[in-house]
Amino acid sequence: MSRIEELFGAVIRRRRERQGFSQEEFAAAAGVHRTYMSSIERGKVQVSIAVAQKLADALEVPLSRVWKEIETARQSSTD
């Protein structure tokens, strides 16, 4: 997968861990299967906008904030 999937997964994983969710708990809260959640966090799949929104909702953050973190990480890696 491309770098964007990896960055998306890393942001979701970091936020999930900060909030104290296990991967299984978070998957249930977001309404996705735990193995799919694992694939997302490892950057192995492309997620739809609907799934991205479910994840942001489960994290209780605007989806725009998730994308902002991805953009910040992308800029840091190119500097």
Protein backbone atom coordinates (compact mmCIF):
# COMPACT_ATOMS: atom_id res chain seq x y z
CA MET A 1 0.00 0.00 0.00
CA SER A 2 1.04 3.58 -0.36
CA ARG A 3 2.40 5.85 2.32
CA ILE A 4 -0.98 7.53 2.87
CA GLU A 5 -2.56 4.28 4.09
CA GLU A 6 0.36 3.74 6.45
CA LEU A 7 0.10 7.29 7.80
CA PHE A 8 -3.66 6.99 8.21
CA GLY A 9 -3.25 3.74 10.11
CA ALA A 10 -0.53 5.18 12.33
CA VAL A 11 -2.66 8.20 13.25
CA ILE A 12 -5.65 6.01 14.09
CA ARG A 13 -3.51 3.61 16.14
CA ARG A 14 -1.81 6.43 18.07
CA ARG A 15 -5.12 8.10 18.90
CA ARG A 16 -6.73 4.77 19.86
CA GLU A 17 -3.88 3.92 22.21
CA ARG A 18 -3.92 7.41 23.75
CA GLN A 19 -7.57 6.93 24.59
CA GLY A 20 -6.90 3.55 26.18
CA PHE A 21 -8.89 1.42 23.74
CA SER A 22 -7.76 -2.09 22.93
CA GLN A 23 -7.91 -2.78 19.22
CA GLU A 24 -10.91 -5.06 19.77
CA GLU A 25 -12.78 -2.49 21.87
CA PHE A 26 -12.10 0.22 19.34
CA ALA A 27 -13.20 -1.92 16.40
CA ALA A 28 -16.49 -2.62 18.18
CA ALA A 29 -16.99 1.08 18.97
CA ALA A 30 -16.33 1.98 15.33
CA GLY A 31 -18.50 -0.82 13.95
CA VAL A 32 -15.75 -2.63 12.05
CA HIS A 33 -14.30 -6.11 12.41
CA ARG A 34 -11.16 -6.43 14.57
CA THR A 35 -9.12 -8.02 11.78
CA TYR A 36 -10.11 -5.17 9.44
CA MET A 37 -9.06 -2.72 12.15
CA SER A 38 -5.69 -4.44 12.31
CA SER A 39 -5.28 -4.12 8.55
CA ILE A 40 -6.18 -0.42 8.72
CA GLU A 41 -3.65 0.28 11.45
CA ARG A 42 -0.93 -1.55 9.54
CA GLY A 43 -1.68 0.45 6.38
CA LYS A 44 -2.63 -2.67 4.42
CA VAL A 45 -6.03 -1.49 3.15
CA GLN A 46 -7.61 1.59 1.66
CA VAL A 47 -10.58 2.74 3.69
CA SER A 48 -13.67 4.41 2.34
CA ILE A 49 -14.64 7.86 3.47
CA ALA A 50 -17.53 6.28 5.39
CA VAL A 51 -15.16 4.02 7.35
CA ALA A 52 -12.76 6.89 7.97
CA GLN A 53 -15.68 8.86 9.42
CA LYS A 54 -16.71 5.90 11.63
CA LEU A 55 -13.18 5.76 13.03
CA ALA A 56 -13.08 9.50 13.68
CA ASP A 57 -16.49 9.32 15.36
CA ALA A 58 -15.31 6.47 17.61
CA LEU A 59 -12.28 8.60 18.52
CA GLU A 60 -14.58 11.59 19.08
CA VAL A 61 -12.54 13.86 16.83
CA PRO A 62 -13.42 15.57 13.56
CA LEU A 63 -12.22 13.67 10.52
CA SER A 64 -10.49 16.87 9.45
CA ARG A 65 -8.23 16.61 12.50
CA VAL A 66 -7.17 13.09 11.47
CA TRP A 67 -6.29 14.37 7.98
CA LYS A 68 -4.40 17.31 9.49
CA GLU A 69 -2.23 14.90 11.49
CA ILE A 70 -1.56 12.90 8.32
CA GLU A 71 -0.55 16.06 6.45
CA THR A 72 1.73 17.12 9.30
CA ALA A 73 3.40 13.69 9.28
CA ARG A 74 3.83 13.83 5.50
CA GLN A 75 5.45 17.24 5.69
CA SER A 76 7.77 16.13 8.48
CA SER A 77 8.94 13.15 6.47
CA THR A 78 9.83 15.29 3.45
CA ASP A 79 11.76 17.96 5.37
